[in-house]
Amino acid sequence: MEKNNICEKCGAELRVDRCGCAVTYTCPNCGWSVATTEWEPIDLDETKYEIRLAEGTPVNKETLSLVSRMTGKNFIDSKKAIEACGVIYVGKARVILEQKDFLAKQGVAFVIEPNFPY
């Protein structure tokens, strides 16, 4: 519970519930409530980012499977993208962050352009 959030009707301390960017303040005493949003900078970033695999990424079964899952491409097109260090994914910041975390967990070296601040 956050401090200094006081009910306008009865003066009780408000309960704060967060779900994504939505924030609801509710009084447990009288039921008064208000809702608002608090957006994170990553959700407001309209930049289109590109993910490429780093130079020297091996073309093996694991990498082909990974790129195919990310892109929806077949193994032949995935192999071409890996060999050319081509773009394997394009998206906005929130989705790129998810893909970045996925690639990092797989131990695959990659580059995000333009510079990815998250």
Protein backbone atom coordinates (compact mmCIF):
# COMPACT_ATOMS: atom_id res chain seq x y z
CA MET A 1 0.00 0.00 0.00
CA GLU A 2 1.34 3.44 -0.87
CA LYS A 3 1.36 6.15 1.80
CA ASN A 4 -0.24 9.60 1.56
CA ASN A 5 -3.17 8.38 -0.54
CA ILE A 6 -6.18 9.50 1.47
CA CYS A 7 -9.86 9.03 0.60
CA GLU A 8 -11.56 12.31 -0.35
CA LYS A 9 -14.85 11.18 1.24
CA CYS A 10 -13.91 9.63 4.58
CA GLY A 11 -10.17 10.23 5.09
CA ALA A 12 -9.15 6.54 5.20
CA GLU A 13 -5.96 5.34 3.53
CA LEU A 14 -6.57 4.15 -0.04
CA ARG A 15 -5.64 0.72 -1.38
CA VAL A 16 -3.59 0.90 -4.61
CA ASP A 17 -3.99 -1.79 -7.29
CA ARG A 18 -1.79 -1.87 -10.40
CA CYS A 19 -2.41 -3.86 -13.55
CA GLY A 20 -0.15 -2.94 -16.44
CA CYS A 21 -0.45 0.81 -16.92
CA ALA A 22 -3.81 1.00 -15.07
CA VAL A 23 -3.80 2.18 -11.46
CA THR A 24 -6.88 2.07 -9.23
CA TYR A 25 -7.13 3.78 -5.84
CA THR A 26 -9.93 2.31 -3.68
CA CYS A 27 -11.10 3.17 -0.19
CA PRO A 28 -11.56 0.00 1.86
CA ASN A 29 -13.77 1.95 4.26
CA CYS A 30 -16.43 3.63 2.07
CA GLY A 31 -15.78 2.14 -1.39
CA TRP A 32 -14.83 5.44 -3.09
CA SER A 33 -12.43 4.82 -5.98
CA VAL A 34 -10.66 6.47 -8.86
CA ALA A 35 -8.67 4.98 -11.73
CA THR A 36 -5.93 6.42 -13.90
CA THR A 37 -3.02 5.33 -16.05
CA GLU A 38 0.71 5.61 -15.57
CA TRP A 39 2.55 4.72 -18.76
CA GLU A 40 6.15 3.59 -18.74
CA PRO A 41 8.45 5.24 -21.31
CA ILE A 42 8.92 1.91 -23.13
CA ASP A 43 5.17 1.77 -23.83
CA LEU A 44 5.17 5.27 -25.32
CA ASP A 45 8.21 4.67 -27.55
CA GLU A 46 7.00 4.66 -31.17
CA THR A 47 10.41 3.79 -32.67
CA LYS A 48 10.59 0.72 -34.91
CA TYR A 49 13.57 -1.35 -33.76
CA GLU A 50 15.30 -4.11 -35.73
CA ILE A 51 16.99 -7.19 -34.33
CA ARG A 52 19.84 -8.79 -36.26
CA LEU A 53 21.98 -11.71 -35.20
CA ALA A 54 25.59 -10.77 -34.59
CA GLU A 55 28.26 -11.52 -37.18
CA GLY A 56 29.71 -14.98 -36.77
CA THR A 57 26.49 -16.50 -35.44
CA PRO A 58 26.73 -20.20 -36.31
CA VAL A 59 24.21 -21.62 -38.74
CA ASN A 60 23.21 -24.72 -36.83
CA LYS A 61 19.99 -26.53 -36.04
CA GLU A 62 19.38 -24.60 -32.80
CA THR A 63 19.89 -21.18 -34.40
CA LEU A 64 17.79 -22.08 -37.43
CA SER A 65 14.98 -23.28 -35.18
CA LEU A 66 15.19 -20.15 -33.03
CA VAL A 67 15.10 -17.75 -36.00
CA SER A 68 12.29 -19.72 -37.61
CA ARG A 69 10.21 -19.49 -34.42
CA MET A 70 10.82 -15.75 -34.11
CA THR A 71 10.16 -14.87 -37.73
CA GLY A 72 7.74 -17.51 -38.96
CA LYS A 73 10.14 -18.17 -41.86
CA ASN A 74 11.15 -21.59 -43.09
CA PHE A 75 14.67 -22.96 -42.45
CA ILE A 76 15.97 -21.90 -45.89
CA ASP A 77 14.92 -18.25 -45.43
CA SER A 78 16.13 -18.32 -41.82
CA LYS A 79 19.53 -19.61 -42.95
CA LYS A 80 19.81 -16.79 -45.49
CA ALA A 81 18.94 -14.20 -42.82
CA ILE A 82 21.53 -15.61 -40.41
CA GLU A 83 24.29 -15.74 -43.05
CA ALA A 84 23.55 -12.18 -44.21
CA CYS A 85 23.22 -10.86 -40.64
CA GLY A 86 19.83 -9.71 -41.88
CA VAL A 87 16.93 -8.38 -39.88
CA ILE A 88 15.16 -11.19 -38.10
CA TYR A 89 12.61 -9.12 -36.18
CA VAL A 90 11.10 -5.63 -36.37
CA GLY A 91 8.85 -4.12 -33.75
CA LYS A 92 8.18 -1.49 -31.13
CA ALA A 93 10.11 -1.32 -27.88
CA ARG A 94 7.93 -3.51 -25.62
CA VAL A 95 7.94 -6.44 -28.07
CA ILE A 96 11.62 -5.97 -28.87
CA LEU A 97 12.38 -6.17 -25.14
CA GLU A 98 10.61 -9.54 -24.99
CA GLN A 99 12.56 -10.80 -28.01
CA LYS A 100 15.80 -9.44 -26.55
CA ASP A 101 15.21 -11.35 -23.31
CA PHE A 102 14.36 -14.50 -25.28
CA LEU A 103 17.56 -14.31 -27.35
CA ALA A 104 19.69 -13.56 -24.30
CA LYS A 105 18.28 -16.63 -22.49
CA GLN A 106 19.20 -18.72 -25.54
CA GLY A 107 22.77 -17.39 -25.43
CA VAL A 108 22.56 -15.93 -28.94
CA ALA A 109 24.52 -12.75 -29.77
CA PHE A 110 22.44 -10.06 -31.46
CA VAL A 111 22.32 -6.37 -32.34
CA ILE A 112 19.36 -4.01 -31.98
CA GLU A 113 19.16 -0.92 -34.18
CA PRO A 114 18.68 1.95 -33.59
CA ASN A 115 20.24 2.05 -30.12
CA PHE A 116 17.87 0.28 -27.71
CA PRO A 117 17.76 2.10 -24.34
CA TYR A 118 15.75 -0.50 -22.40
